[in-house]
């Protein structure tokens, strides 16, 4: 029987939900930064898809500004879902993130994601 309609191959990006994943992300040394965007990454090859959390604190602005930035970041990650390594990610933005145009934010996030995943230490014992 074929897979779910409209979803060939690996499903898209899911949310980070477990406390363990958040704790691992906090301790992770695999980080990438580009402009106002910082990405932390933990390799999880046993998972079936990447999981992503977004951290936008109140210094960024009011709820409307924070939600707009979060939606933009989510759209950028969703568009790059097929290229992402399987694992847990947390994407953070400093207050300067709200001043970027969408394409500038896309470049910054792409660079930060690339840096975070290229620094991944081998986890032979995990």
PDB file of N, CA and C in Angstrom:
ATOM      1  N   UNK A   1       0.856  -1.178   0.000  1.00  0.00           N
ATOM      2  CA  UNK A   1       0.000   0.000   0.000  1.00  0.00           C
ATOM      3  C   UNK A   1       0.899   1.237   0.000  1.00  0.00           C
ATOM      4  N   UNK A   2       0.613   2.243  -0.844  1.00  0.00           N
ATOM      5  CA  UNK A   2       1.443   3.445  -0.898  1.00  0.00           C
ATOM      6  C   UNK A   2       1.331   4.273   0.376  1.00  0.00           C
ATOM      7  N   UNK A   3       2.320   5.164   0.562  1.00  0.00           N
ATOM      8  CA  UNK A   3       2.353   6.043   1.733  1.00  0.00           C
ATOM      9  C   UNK A   3       1.238   7.062   1.691  1.00  0.00           C
ATOM     10  N   UNK A   4       1.188   7.944   2.689  1.00  0.00           N
ATOM     11  CA  UNK A   4       0.150   8.973   2.727  1.00  0.00           C
ATOM     12  C   UNK A   4       0.159   9.829   1.469  1.00  0.00           C
ATOM     13  N   UNK A   5      -0.989  10.180   0.994  1.00  0.00           N
ATOM     14  CA  UNK A   5      -1.110  10.979  -0.227  1.00  0.00           C
ATOM     15  C   UNK A   5      -0.384  12.310  -0.079  1.00  0.00           C
ATOM     16  N   UNK A   6       0.369  12.664  -1.106  1.00  0.00           N
ATOM     17  CA  UNK A   6       1.069  13.940  -1.115  1.00  0.00           C
ATOM     18  C   UNK A   6       2.323  13.974  -0.260  1.00  0.00           C
ATOM     19  N   UNK A   7       2.741  12.843   0.286  1.00  0.00           N
ATOM     20  CA  UNK A   7       3.923  12.815   1.149  1.00  0.00           C
ATOM     21  C   UNK A   7       4.880  11.705   0.727  1.00  0.00           C
ATOM     22  N   UNK A   8       5.479  11.828  -0.444  1.00  0.00           N
ATOM     23  CA  UNK A   8       6.440  10.808  -0.815  1.00  0.00           C
ATOM     24  C   UNK A   8       7.699  10.946   0.036  1.00  0.00           C
ATOM     25  N   UNK A   9       8.292   9.827   0.397  1.00  0.00           N
ATOM     26  CA  UNK A   9       9.539   9.858   1.165  1.00  0.00           C
ATOM     27  C   UNK A   9       9.332  10.308   2.597  1.00  0.00           C
ATOM     28  N   UNK A  10      10.355  10.956   3.130  1.00  0.00           N
ATOM     29  CA  UNK A  10      10.368  11.401   4.526  1.00  0.00           C
ATOM     30  C   UNK A  10       9.383  12.546   4.762  1.00  0.00           C
ATOM     31  N   UNK A  11       8.643  12.501   5.874  1.00  0.00           N
ATOM     32  CA  UNK A  11       7.739  13.614   6.178  1.00  0.00           C
ATOM     33  C   UNK A  11       8.522  14.890   6.484  1.00  0.00           C
ATOM     34  N   UNK A  12       7.852  16.020   6.579  1.00  0.00           N
ATOM     35  CA  UNK A  12       8.493  17.310   6.818  1.00  0.00           C
ATOM     36  C   UNK A  12       9.081  17.453   8.208  1.00  0.00           C
ATOM     37  N   UNK A  13       9.070  18.655   8.702  1.00  0.00           N
ATOM     38  CA  UNK A  13       9.664  18.992   9.986  1.00  0.00           C
ATOM     39  C   UNK A  13       8.613  18.913  11.080  1.00  0.00           C
ATOM     40  N   UNK A  14       9.005  18.382  12.242  1.00  0.00           N
ATOM     41  CA  UNK A  14       8.108  18.313  13.384  1.00  0.00           C
ATOM     42  C   UNK A  14       8.614  19.201  14.503  1.00  0.00           C
ATOM     43  N   UNK A  15       7.821  19.390  15.530  1.00  0.00           N
ATOM     44  CA  UNK A  15       8.238  20.216  16.667  1.00  0.00           C
ATOM     45  C   UNK A  15       9.071  19.414  17.667  1.00  0.00           C
ATOM     46  N   UNK A  16       9.981  20.086  18.355  1.00  0.00           N
ATOM     47  CA  UNK A  16      10.708  19.467  19.458  1.00  0.00           C
ATOM     48  C   UNK A  16       9.756  19.468  20.641  1.00  0.00           C
ATOM     49  N   UNK A  17       9.558  18.319  21.259  1.00  0.00           N
ATOM     50  CA  UNK A  17       8.599  18.229  22.354  1.00  0.00           C
ATOM     51  C   UNK A  17       9.184  17.691  23.647  1.00  0.00           C
ATOM     52  N   UNK A  18      10.207  16.866  23.583  1.00  0.00           N
ATOM     53  CA  UNK A  18      10.679  16.200  24.799  1.00  0.00           C
ATOM     54  C   UNK A  18      11.661  17.062  25.593  1.00  0.00           C
ATOM     55  N   UNK A  19      11.586  16.928  26.895  1.00  0.00           N
ATOM     56  CA  UNK A  19      12.510  17.635  27.787  1.00  0.00           C
ATOM     57  C   UNK A  19      13.943  17.216  27.518  1.00  0.00           C
ATOM     58  N   UNK A  20      14.115  15.932  27.218  1.00  0.00           N
ATOM     59  CA  UNK A  20      15.448  15.407  26.938  1.00  0.00           C
ATOM     60  C   UNK A  20      16.072  16.120  25.736  1.00  0.00           C
ATOM     61  N   UNK A  21      15.291  16.325  24.696  1.00  0.00           N
ATOM     62  CA  UNK A  21      15.802  17.008  23.501  1.00  0.00           C
ATOM     63  C   UNK A  21      16.183  18.449  23.811  1.00  0.00           C
ATOM     64  N   UNK A  22      15.339  19.141  24.583  1.00  0.00           N
ATOM     65  CA  UNK A  22      15.668  20.518  24.951  1.00  0.00           C
ATOM     66  C   UNK A  22      16.926  20.573  25.810  1.00  0.00           C
ATOM     67  N   UNK A  23      17.080  19.621  26.728  1.00  0.00           N
ATOM     68  CA  UNK A  23      18.281  19.577  27.570  1.00  0.00           C
ATOM     69  C   UNK A  23      19.513  19.309  26.714  1.00  0.00           C
ATOM     70  N   UNK A  24      19.408  18.397  25.750  1.00  0.00           N
ATOM     71  CA  UNK A  24      20.531  18.110  24.852  1.00  0.00           C
ATOM     72  C   UNK A  24      20.881  19.325  23.998  1.00  0.00           C
ATOM     73  N   UNK A  25      19.866  20.055  23.553  1.00  0.00           N
ATOM     74  CA  UNK A  25      20.121  21.260  22.758  1.00  0.00           C
ATOM     75  C   UNK A  25      20.832  22.328  23.594  1.00  0.00           C
ATOM     76  N   UNK A  26      20.452  22.429  24.851  1.00  0.00           N
ATOM     77  CA  UNK A  26      21.087  23.406  25.735  1.00  0.00           C
ATOM     78  C   UNK A  26      22.579  23.097  25.906  1.00  0.00           C
ATOM     79  N   UNK A  27      22.922  21.800  25.979  1.00  0.00           N
ATOM     80  CA  UNK A  27      24.311  21.372  26.172  1.00  0.00           C
ATOM     81  C   UNK A  27      25.096  21.257  24.871  1.00  0.00           C
ATOM     82  N   UNK A  28      24.426  21.325  23.750  1.00  0.00           N
ATOM     83  CA  UNK A  28      25.062  21.069  22.460  1.00  0.00           C
ATOM     84  C   UNK A  28      26.176  22.068  22.149  1.00  0.00           C
ATOM     85  N   UNK A  29      27.255  21.539  21.586  1.00  0.00           N
ATOM     86  CA  UNK A  29      28.348  22.407  21.130  1.00  0.00           C
ATOM     87  C   UNK A  29      28.229  22.671  19.629  1.00  0.00           C
ATOM     88  N   UNK A  30      27.254  22.060  18.984  1.00  0.00           N
ATOM     89  CA  UNK A  30      27.034  22.262  17.552  1.00  0.00           C
ATOM     90  C   UNK A  30      26.122  23.460  17.358  1.00  0.00           C
ATOM     91  N   UNK A  31      26.744  24.614  17.182  1.00  0.00           N
ATOM     92  CA  UNK A  31      25.989  25.853  17.019  1.00  0.00           C
ATOM     93  C   UNK A  31      26.484  26.603  15.794  1.00  0.00           C
ATOM     94  N   UNK A  32      25.568  27.323  15.197  1.00  0.00           N
ATOM     95  CA  UNK A  32      25.916  28.175  14.078  1.00  0.00           C
ATOM     96  C   UNK A  32      25.248  29.521  14.258  1.00  0.00           C
ATOM     97  N   UNK A  33      25.975  30.572  13.890  1.00  0.00           N
ATOM     98  CA  UNK A  33      25.412  31.910  14.021  1.00  0.00           C
ATOM     99  C   UNK A  33      25.669  32.688  12.747  1.00  0.00           C
ATOM    100  N   UNK A  34      24.671  33.426  12.340  1.00  0.00           N
ATOM    101  CA  UNK A  34      24.805  34.318  11.199  1.00  0.00           C
ATOM    102  C   UNK A  34      23.908  35.519  11.463  1.00  0.00           C
ATOM    103  N   UNK A  35      24.513  36.666  11.648  1.00  0.00           N
ATOM    104  CA  UNK A  35      23.743  37.866  11.966  1.00  0.00           C
ATOM    105  C   UNK A  35      22.980  37.669  13.251  1.00  0.00           C
ATOM    106  N   UNK A  36      21.677  37.942  13.245  1.00  0.00           N
ATOM    107  CA  UNK A  36      20.884  37.820  14.472  1.00  0.00           C
ATOM    108  C   UNK A  36      20.378  36.406  14.755  1.00  0.00           C
ATOM    109  N   UNK A  37      20.710  35.444  13.900  1.00  0.00           N
ATOM    110  CA  UNK A  37      20.168  34.091  14.023  1.00  0.00           C
ATOM    111  C   UNK A  37      21.218  33.135  14.578  1.00  0.00           C
ATOM    112  N   UNK A  38      20.812  32.350  15.581  1.00  0.00           N
ATOM    113  CA  UNK A  38      21.662  31.306  16.140  1.00  0.00           C
ATOM    114  C   UNK A  38      20.890  29.992  16.087  1.00  0.00           C
ATOM    115  N   UNK A  39      21.571  28.929  15.650  1.00  0.00           N
ATOM    116  CA  UNK A  39      20.963  27.606  15.561  1.00  0.00           C
ATOM    117  C   UNK A  39      21.804  26.628  16.361  1.00  0.00           C
ATOM    118  N   UNK A  40      21.166  25.854  17.231  1.00  0.00           N
ATOM    119  CA  UNK A  40      21.818  24.747  17.936  1.00  0.00           C
ATOM    120  C   UNK A  40      21.274  23.458  17.346  1.00  0.00           C
ATOM    121  N   UNK A  41      22.135  22.432  17.274  1.00  0.00           N
ATOM    122  CA  UNK A  41      21.753  21.176  16.627  1.00  0.00           C
ATOM    123  C   UNK A  41      22.259  19.989  17.423  1.00  0.00           C
ATOM    124  N   UNK A  42      21.417  18.951  17.513  1.00  0.00           N
ATOM    125  CA  UNK A  42      21.798  17.671  18.103  1.00  0.00           C
ATOM    126  C   UNK A  42      21.437  16.592  17.094  1.00  0.00           C
ATOM    127  N   UNK A  43      22.415  15.803  16.693  1.00  0.00           N
ATOM    128  CA  UNK A  43      22.225  14.738  15.715  1.00  0.00           C
ATOM    129  C   UNK A  43      21.402  13.606  16.321  1.00  0.00           C
ATOM    130  N   UNK A  44      20.362  13.178  15.621  1.00  0.00           N
ATOM    131  CA  UNK A  44      19.514  12.075  16.061  1.00  0.00           C
ATOM    132  C   UNK A  44      19.206  11.184  14.858  1.00  0.00           C
ATOM    133  N   UNK A  45      20.167  10.379  14.398  1.00  0.00           N
ATOM    134  CA  UNK A  45      19.942   9.574  13.190  1.00  0.00           C
ATOM    135  C   UNK A  45      18.828   8.542  13.335  1.00  0.00           C
ATOM    136  N   UNK A  46      18.448   8.200  14.558  1.00  0.00           N
ATOM    137  CA  UNK A  46      17.391   7.207  14.754  1.00  0.00           C
ATOM    138  C   UNK A  46      15.993   7.778  14.510  1.00  0.00           C
ATOM    139  N   UNK A  47      15.864   9.093  14.463  1.00  0.00           N
ATOM    140  CA  UNK A  47      14.570   9.726  14.207  1.00  0.00           C
ATOM    141  C   UNK A  47      14.239   9.629  12.725  1.00  0.00           C
ATOM    142  N   UNK A  48      12.956   9.807  12.401  1.00  0.00           N
ATOM    143  CA  UNK A  48      12.542   9.745  11.001  1.00  0.00           C
ATOM    144  C   UNK A  48      12.485  11.115  10.320  1.00  0.00           C
ATOM    145  N   UNK A  49      12.598  12.175  11.104  1.00  0.00           N
ATOM    146  CA  UNK A  49      12.561  13.523  10.516  1.00  0.00           C
ATOM    147  C   UNK A  49      13.189  14.523  11.487  1.00  0.00           C
ATOM    148  N   UNK A  50      13.571  15.703  10.980  1.00  0.00           N
ATOM    149  CA  UNK A  50      14.100  16.738  11.876  1.00  0.00           C
ATOM    150  C   UNK A  50      12.991  17.322  12.749  1.00  0.00           C
ATOM    151  N   UNK A  51      13.371  17.764  13.946  1.00  0.00           N
ATOM    152  CA  UNK A  51      12.443  18.435  14.850  1.00  0.00           C
ATOM    153  C   UNK A  51      13.034  19.805  15.183  1.00  0.00           C
ATOM    154  N   UNK A  52      12.208  20.826  15.126  1.00  0.00           N
ATOM    155  CA  UNK A  52      12.679  22.196  15.277  1.00  0.00           C
ATOM    156  C   UNK A  52      11.843  22.950  16.307  1.00  0.00           C
ATOM    157  N   UNK A  53      12.526  23.729  17.154  1.00  0.00           N
ATOM    158  CA  UNK A  53      11.879  24.647  18.093  1.00  0.00           C
ATOM    159  C   UNK A  53      12.379  26.051  17.773  1.00  0.00           C
ATOM    160  N   UNK A  54      11.584  27.042  18.086  1.00  0.00           N
ATOM    161  CA  UNK A  54      11.918  28.437  17.807  1.00  0.00           C
ATOM    162  C   UNK A  54      11.895  29.218  19.107  1.00  0.00           C
ATOM    163  N   UNK A  55      12.929  30.024  19.342  1.00  0.00           N
ATOM    164  CA  UNK A  55      13.015  30.840  20.548  1.00  0.00           C
ATOM    165  C   UNK A  55      13.102  32.306  20.148  1.00  0.00           C
ATOM    166  N   UNK A  56      12.041  33.030  20.448  1.00  0.00           N
ATOM    167  CA  UNK A  56      11.985  34.467  20.152  1.00  0.00           C
ATOM    168  C   UNK A  56      11.524  35.136  21.441  1.00  0.00           C
ATOM    169  N   UNK A  57      12.451  35.805  22.141  1.00  0.00           N
ATOM    170  CA  UNK A  57      12.073  36.365  23.443  1.00  0.00           C
ATOM    171  C   UNK A  57      11.464  37.760  23.319  1.00  0.00           C
ATOM    172  N   UNK A  58      11.032  38.288  24.437  1.00  0.00           N
ATOM    173  CA  UNK A  58      10.288  39.559  24.451  1.00  0.00           C
ATOM    174  C   UNK A  58      11.116  40.767  24.042  1.00  0.00           C
ATOM    175  N   UNK A  59      12.430  40.645  24.063  1.00  0.00           N
ATOM    176  CA  UNK A  59      13.274  41.763  23.625  1.00  0.00           C
ATOM    177  C   UNK A  59      13.098  42.037  22.132  1.00  0.00           C
ATOM    178  N   UNK A  60      12.601  41.042  21.394  1.00  0.00           N
ATOM    179  CA  UNK A  60      12.382  41.201  19.956  1.00  0.00           C
ATOM    180  C   UNK A  60      11.282  42.219  19.689  1.00  0.00           C
ATOM    181  N   UNK A  61      10.284  42.260  20.550  1.00  0.00           N
ATOM    182  CA  UNK A  61       9.193  43.216  20.356  1.00  0.00           C
ATOM    183  C   UNK A  61       7.910  42.683  20.956  1.00  0.00           C
ATOM    184  N   UNK A  62       6.809  43.281  20.537  1.00  0.00           N
ATOM    185  CA  UNK A  62       5.515  42.848  21.061  1.00  0.00           C
ATOM    186  C   UNK A  62       5.110  41.512  20.439  1.00  0.00           C
ATOM    187  N   UNK A  63       3.982  40.984  20.855  1.00  0.00           N
ATOM    188  CA  UNK A  63       3.553  39.664  20.398  1.00  0.00           C
ATOM    189  C   UNK A  63       3.395  39.596  18.880  1.00  0.00           C
ATOM    190  N   UNK A  64       2.901  40.657  18.276  1.00  0.00           N
ATOM    191  CA  UNK A  64       2.720  40.673  16.822  1.00  0.00           C
ATOM    192  C   UNK A  64       4.070  40.550  16.124  1.00  0.00           C
ATOM    193  N   UNK A  65       5.067  41.296  16.576  1.00  0.00           N
ATOM    194  CA  UNK A  65       6.393  41.246  15.968  1.00  0.00           C
ATOM    195  C   UNK A  65       7.058  39.887  16.188  1.00  0.00           C
ATOM    196  N   UNK A  66       6.927  39.343  17.389  1.00  0.00           N
ATOM    197  CA  UNK A  66       7.521  38.031  17.686  1.00  0.00           C
ATOM    198  C   UNK A  66       6.880  36.939  16.843  1.00  0.00           C
ATOM    199  N   UNK A  67       5.547  36.964  16.745  1.00  0.00           N
ATOM    200  CA  UNK A  67       4.851  35.944  15.963  1.00  0.00           C
ATOM    201  C   UNK A  67       5.166  36.040  14.478  1.00  0.00           C
ATOM    202  N   UNK A  68       5.313  37.246  13.956  1.00  0.00           N
ATOM    203  CA  UNK A  68       5.681  37.428  12.558  1.00  0.00           C
ATOM    204  C   UNK A  68       7.069  36.841  12.299  1.00  0.00           C
ATOM    205  N   UNK A  69       8.015  37.138  13.171  1.00  0.00           N
ATOM    206  CA  UNK A  69       9.364  36.599  13.019  1.00  0.00           C
ATOM    207  C   UNK A  69       9.347  35.070  13.113  1.00  0.00           C
ATOM    208  N   UNK A  70       8.599  34.539  14.059  1.00  0.00           N
ATOM    209  CA  UNK A  70       8.511  33.078  14.223  1.00  0.00           C
ATOM    210  C   UNK A  70       7.890  32.425  12.983  1.00  0.00           C
ATOM    211  N   UNK A  71       6.837  33.031  12.430  1.00  0.00           N
ATOM    212  CA  UNK A  71       6.212  32.486  11.215  1.00  0.00           C
ATOM    213  C   UNK A  71       7.179  32.511  10.045  1.00  0.00           C
ATOM    214  N   UNK A  72       7.949  33.588   9.920  1.00  0.00           N
ATOM    215  CA  UNK A  72       8.944  33.669   8.844  1.00  0.00           C
ATOM    216  C   UNK A  72      10.007  32.585   8.996  1.00  0.00           C
ATOM    217  N   UNK A  73      10.495  32.402  10.227  1.00  0.00           N
ATOM    218  CA  UNK A  73      11.513  31.376  10.459  1.00  0.00           C
ATOM    219  C   UNK A  73      10.953  29.990  10.158  1.00  0.00           C
ATOM    220  N   UNK A  74       9.715  29.748  10.567  1.00  0.00           N
ATOM    221  CA  UNK A  74       9.077  28.455  10.319  1.00  0.00           C
ATOM    222  C   UNK A  74       8.925  28.199   8.820  1.00  0.00           C
ATOM    223  N   UNK A  75       8.567  29.214   8.050  1.00  0.00           N
ATOM    224  CA  UNK A  75       8.417  29.070   6.601  1.00  0.00           C
ATOM    225  C   UNK A  75       9.764  28.755   5.938  1.00  0.00           C
ATOM    226  N   UNK A  76      10.816  29.399   6.406  1.00  0.00           N
ATOM    227  CA  UNK A  76      12.150  29.156   5.849  1.00  0.00           C
ATOM    228  C   UNK A  76      12.600  27.732   6.139  1.00  0.00           C
ATOM    229  N   UNK A  77      12.405  27.274   7.370  1.00  0.00           N
ATOM    230  CA  UNK A  77      12.794  25.904   7.728  1.00  0.00           C
ATOM    231  C   UNK A  77      11.964  24.892   6.942  1.00  0.00           C
ATOM    232  N   UNK A  78      10.673  25.125   6.797  1.00  0.00           N
ATOM    233  CA  UNK A  78       9.815  24.202   6.049  1.00  0.00           C
ATOM    234  C   UNK A  78      10.256  24.079   4.594  1.00  0.00           C
ATOM    235  N   UNK A  79      10.674  25.191   4.004  1.00  0.00           N
ATOM    236  CA  UNK A  79      11.134  25.166   2.616  1.00  0.00           C
ATOM    237  C   UNK A  79      12.438  24.387   2.470  1.00  0.00           C
ATOM    238  N   UNK A  80      13.226  24.312   3.540  1.00  0.00           N
ATOM    239  CA  UNK A  80      14.507  23.609   3.494  1.00  0.00           C
ATOM    240  C   UNK A  80      14.438  22.231   4.148  1.00  0.00           C
ATOM    241  N   UNK A  81      13.252  21.733   4.448  1.00  0.00           N
ATOM    242  CA  UNK A  81      13.081  20.490   5.208  1.00  0.00           C
ATOM    243  C   UNK A  81      13.805  19.305   4.582  1.00  0.00           C
ATOM    244  N   UNK A  82      13.779  19.184   3.284  1.00  0.00           N
ATOM    245  CA  UNK A  82      14.412  18.043   2.615  1.00  0.00           C
ATOM    246  C   UNK A  82      15.932  18.063   2.762  1.00  0.00           C
ATOM    247  N   UNK A  83      16.522  19.237   2.954  1.00  0.00           N
ATOM    248  CA  UNK A  83      17.979  19.364   3.063  1.00  0.00           C
ATOM    249  C   UNK A  83      18.485  19.204   4.492  1.00  0.00           C
ATOM    250  N   UNK A  84      17.595  19.299   5.476  1.00  0.00           N
ATOM    251  CA  UNK A  84      18.017  19.268   6.870  1.00  0.00           C
ATOM    252  C   UNK A  84      18.427  17.872   7.307  1.00  0.00           C
ATOM    253  N   UNK A  85      19.499  17.808   8.103  1.00  0.00           N
ATOM    254  CA  UNK A  85      19.890  16.544   8.715  1.00  0.00           C
ATOM    255  C   UNK A  85      18.836  16.180   9.753  1.00  0.00           C
ATOM    256  N   UNK A  86      18.666  14.892   9.972  1.00  0.00           N
ATOM    257  CA  UNK A  86      17.703  14.436  10.974  1.00  0.00           C
ATOM    258  C   UNK A  86      18.301  14.689  12.354  1.00  0.00           C
ATOM    259  N   UNK A  87      17.537  15.367  13.190  1.00  0.00           N
ATOM    260  CA  UNK A  87      17.979  15.701  14.532  1.00  0.00           C
ATOM    261  C   UNK A  87      17.109  16.789  15.116  1.00  0.00           C
ATOM    262  N   UNK A  88      17.554  17.329  16.254  1.00  0.00           N
ATOM    263  CA  UNK A  88      16.812  18.387  16.940  1.00  0.00           C
ATOM    264  C   UNK A  88      17.511  19.723  16.702  1.00  0.00           C
ATOM    265  N   UNK A  89      16.727  20.739  16.435  1.00  0.00           N
ATOM    266  CA  UNK A  89      17.240  22.088  16.195  1.00  0.00           C
ATOM    267  C   UNK A  89      16.501  23.054  17.104  1.00  0.00           C
ATOM    268  N   UNK A  90      17.207  24.091  17.547  1.00  0.00           N
ATOM    269  CA  UNK A  90      16.537  25.234  18.144  1.00  0.00           C
ATOM    270  C   UNK A  90      17.064  26.462  17.418  1.00  0.00           C
ATOM    271  N   UNK A  91      16.135  27.253  16.895  1.00  0.00           N
ATOM    272  CA  UNK A  91      16.470  28.450  16.124  1.00  0.00           C
ATOM    273  C   UNK A  91      16.119  29.651  16.986  1.00  0.00           C
ATOM    274  N   UNK A  92      17.127  30.493  17.253  1.00  0.00           N
ATOM    275  CA  UNK A  92      16.927  31.691  18.078  1.00  0.00           C
ATOM    276  C   UNK A  92      17.185  32.937  17.234  1.00  0.00           C
ATOM    277  N   UNK A  93      16.552  34.018  17.628  1.00  0.00           N
ATOM    278  CA  UNK A  93      16.799  35.295  16.970  1.00  0.00           C
ATOM    279  C   UNK A  93      16.985  36.380  18.015  1.00  0.00           C
ATOM    280  N   UNK A  94      17.953  37.239  17.764  1.00  0.00           N
ATOM    281  CA  UNK A  94      18.128  38.422  18.608  1.00  0.00           C
ATOM    282  C   UNK A  94      17.125  39.478  18.136  1.00  0.00           C
ATOM    283  N   UNK A  95      16.995  40.566  18.865  1.00  0.00           N
ATOM    284  CA  UNK A  95      16.044  41.615  18.458  1.00  0.00           C
ATOM    285  C   UNK A  95      16.289  42.169  17.049  1.00  0.00           C
ATOM    286  N   UNK A  96      17.522  42.089  16.554  1.00  0.00           N
ATOM    287  CA  UNK A  96      17.811  42.590  15.207  1.00  0.00           C
ATOM    288  C   UNK A  96      17.135  41.763  14.120  1.00  0.00           C
ATOM    289  N   UNK A  97      16.679  40.562  14.451  1.00  0.00           N
ATOM    290  CA  UNK A  97      16.018  39.702  13.463  1.00  0.00           C
ATOM    291  C   UNK A  97      14.756  40.312  12.901  1.00  0.00           C
ATOM    292  N   UNK A  98      14.071  41.094  13.691  1.00  0.00           N
ATOM    293  CA  UNK A  98      12.808  41.673  13.208  1.00  0.00           C
ATOM    294  C   UNK A  98      13.027  42.759  12.155  1.00  0.00           C
ATOM    295  N   UNK A  99      14.241  43.305  12.067  1.00  0.00           N
ATOM    296  CA  UNK A  99      14.519  44.363  11.089  1.00  0.00           C
ATOM    297  C   UNK A  99      14.915  43.821   9.725  1.00  0.00           C
ATOM    298  N   UNK A 100      15.175  42.506   9.644  1.00  0.00           N
ATOM    299  CA  UNK A 100      15.598  41.919   8.371  1.00  0.00           C
ATOM    300  C   UNK A 100      14.417  41.701   7.434  1.00  0.00           C
ATOM    301  N   UNK A 101      14.669  41.901   6.157  1.00  0.00           N
ATOM    302  CA  UNK A 101      13.697  41.526   5.141  1.00  0.00           C
ATOM    303  C   UNK A 101      13.661  39.998   5.075  1.00  0.00           C
ATOM    304  N   UNK A 102      12.629  39.436   4.489  1.00  0.00           N
ATOM    305  CA  UNK A 102      12.483  37.980   4.448  1.00  0.00           C
ATOM    306  C   UNK A 102      13.701  37.309   3.803  1.00  0.00           C
ATOM    307  N   UNK A 103      14.157  37.827   2.663  1.00  0.00           N
ATOM    308  CA  UNK A 103      15.292  37.206   1.969  1.00  0.00           C
ATOM    309  C   UNK A 103      16.581  37.321   2.776  1.00  0.00           C
ATOM    310  N   UNK A 104      16.758  38.420   3.503  1.00  0.00           N
ATOM    311  CA  UNK A 104      17.943  38.561   4.363  1.00  0.00           C
ATOM    312  C   UNK A 104      17.884  37.547   5.512  1.00  0.00           C
ATOM    313  N   UNK A 105      16.689  37.368   6.087  1.00  0.00           N
ATOM    314  CA  UNK A 105      16.509  36.381   7.146  1.00  0.00           C
ATOM    315  C   UNK A 105      16.757  34.978   6.609  1.00  0.00           C
ATOM    316  N   UNK A 106      16.311  34.714   5.388  1.00  0.00           N
ATOM    317  CA  UNK A 106      16.515  33.406   4.765  1.00  0.00           C
ATOM    318  C   UNK A 106      18.003  33.103   4.598  1.00  0.00           C
ATOM    319  N   UNK A 107      18.778  34.072   4.162  1.00  0.00           N
ATOM    320  CA  UNK A 107      20.228  33.883   4.004  1.00  0.00           C
ATOM    321  C   UNK A 107      20.883  33.644   5.357  1.00  0.00           C
ATOM    322  N   UNK A 108      20.528  34.456   6.356  1.00  0.00           N
ATOM    323  CA  UNK A 108      21.108  34.306   7.695  1.00  0.00           C
ATOM    324  C   UNK A 108      20.769  32.935   8.279  1.00  0.00           C
ATOM    325  N   UNK A 109      19.529  32.498   8.135  1.00  0.00           N
ATOM    326  CA  UNK A 109      19.136  31.195   8.677  1.00  0.00           C
ATOM    327  C   UNK A 109      19.826  30.063   7.942  1.00  0.00           C
ATOM    328  N   UNK A 110      19.934  30.156   6.633  1.00  0.00           N
ATOM    329  CA  UNK A 110      20.607  29.111   5.864  1.00  0.00           C
ATOM    330  C   UNK A 110      22.060  28.972   6.296  1.00  0.00           C
ATOM    331  N   UNK A 111      22.732  30.106   6.483  1.00  0.00           N
ATOM    332  CA  UNK A 111      24.127  30.073   6.911  1.00  0.00           C
ATOM    333  C   UNK A 111      24.260  29.507   8.325  1.00  0.00           C
ATOM    334  N   UNK A 112      23.381  29.902   9.224  1.00  0.00           N
ATOM    335  CA  UNK A 112      23.432  29.403  10.601  1.00  0.00           C
ATOM    336  C   UNK A 112      23.146  27.904  10.656  1.00  0.00           C
ATOM    337  N   UNK A 113      22.175  27.441   9.879  1.00  0.00           N
ATOM    338  CA  UNK A 113      21.867  26.014   9.823  1.00  0.00           C
ATOM    339  C   UNK A 113      23.053  25.223   9.291  1.00  0.00           C
ATOM    340  N   UNK A 114      23.683  25.741   8.248  1.00  0.00           N
ATOM    341  CA  UNK A 114      24.848  25.072   7.661  1.00  0.00           C
ATOM    342  C   UNK A 114      25.998  24.983   8.664  1.00  0.00           C
ATOM    343  N   UNK A 115      26.266  26.067   9.364  1.00  0.00           N
ATOM    344  CA  UNK A 115      27.352  26.079  10.356  1.00  0.00           C
ATOM    345  C   UNK A 115      27.066  25.106  11.494  1.00  0.00           C
ATOM    346  N   UNK A 116      25.829  25.077  11.965  1.00  0.00           N
ATOM    347  CA  UNK A 116      25.478  24.201  13.092  1.00  0.00           C
ATOM    348  C   UNK A 116      25.620  22.731  12.722  1.00  0.00           C
ATOM    349  N   UNK A 117      25.172  22.366  11.533  1.00  0.00           N
ATOM    350  CA  UNK A 117      25.219  20.956  11.144  1.00  0.00           C
ATOM    351  C   UNK A 117      26.613  20.528  10.679  1.00  0.00           C
ATOM    352  N   UNK A 118      27.433  21.453  10.247  1.00  0.00           N
ATOM    353  CA  UNK A 118      28.787  21.079   9.819  1.00  0.00           C
ATOM    354  C   UNK A 118      29.713  20.873  11.004  1.00  0.00           C
ATOM    355  N   UNK A 119      29.351  21.358  12.178  1.00  0.00           N
ATOM    356  CA  UNK A 119      30.164  21.200  13.385  1.00  0.00           C
ATOM    357  C   UNK A 119      29.781  19.971  14.183  1.00  0.00           C
ATOM    358  N   UNK A 120      28.905  19.157  13.661  1.00  0.00           N
ATOM    359  CA  UNK A 120      28.374  18.024  14.411  1.00  0.00           C
ATOM    360  C   UNK A 120      29.482  17.043  14.764  1.00  0.00           C
ATOM    361  N   UNK A 121      29.739  16.858  16.062  1.00  0.00           N
ATOM    362  CA  UNK A 121      30.725  15.856  16.455  1.00  0.00           C
ATOM    363  C   UNK A 121      30.173  14.454  16.244  1.00  0.00           C
ATOM    364  N   UNK A 122      31.057  13.506  16.024  1.00  0.00           N
ATOM    365  CA  UNK A 122      30.583  12.126  15.829  1.00  0.00           C
ATOM    366  C   UNK A 122      30.038  11.599  17.146  1.00  0.00           C
ATOM    367  N   UNK A 123      28.952  10.841  17.071  1.00  0.00           N
ATOM    368  CA  UNK A 123      28.303  10.291  18.257  1.00  0.00           C
ATOM    369  C   UNK A 123      28.220   8.785  18.108  1.00  0.00           C
ATOM    370  N   UNK A 124      29.391   8.141  18.078  1.00  0.00           N
ATOM    371  CA  UNK A 124      29.438   6.702  17.840  1.00  0.00           C
ATOM    372  C   UNK A 124      28.750   5.914  18.938  1.00  0.00           C
ATOM    373  N   UNK A 125      28.827   6.399  20.174  1.00  0.00           N
ATOM    374  CA  UNK A 125      28.273   5.664  21.300  1.00  0.00           C
ATOM    375  C   UNK A 125      26.796   5.858  21.527  1.00  0.00           C
ATOM    376  N   UNK A 126      26.153   6.756  20.840  1.00  0.00           N
ATOM    377  CA  UNK A 126      24.743   7.069  21.095  1.00  0.00           C
ATOM    378  C   UNK A 126      23.815   6.186  20.353  1.00  0.00           C
TER     379      UNK A 126
END
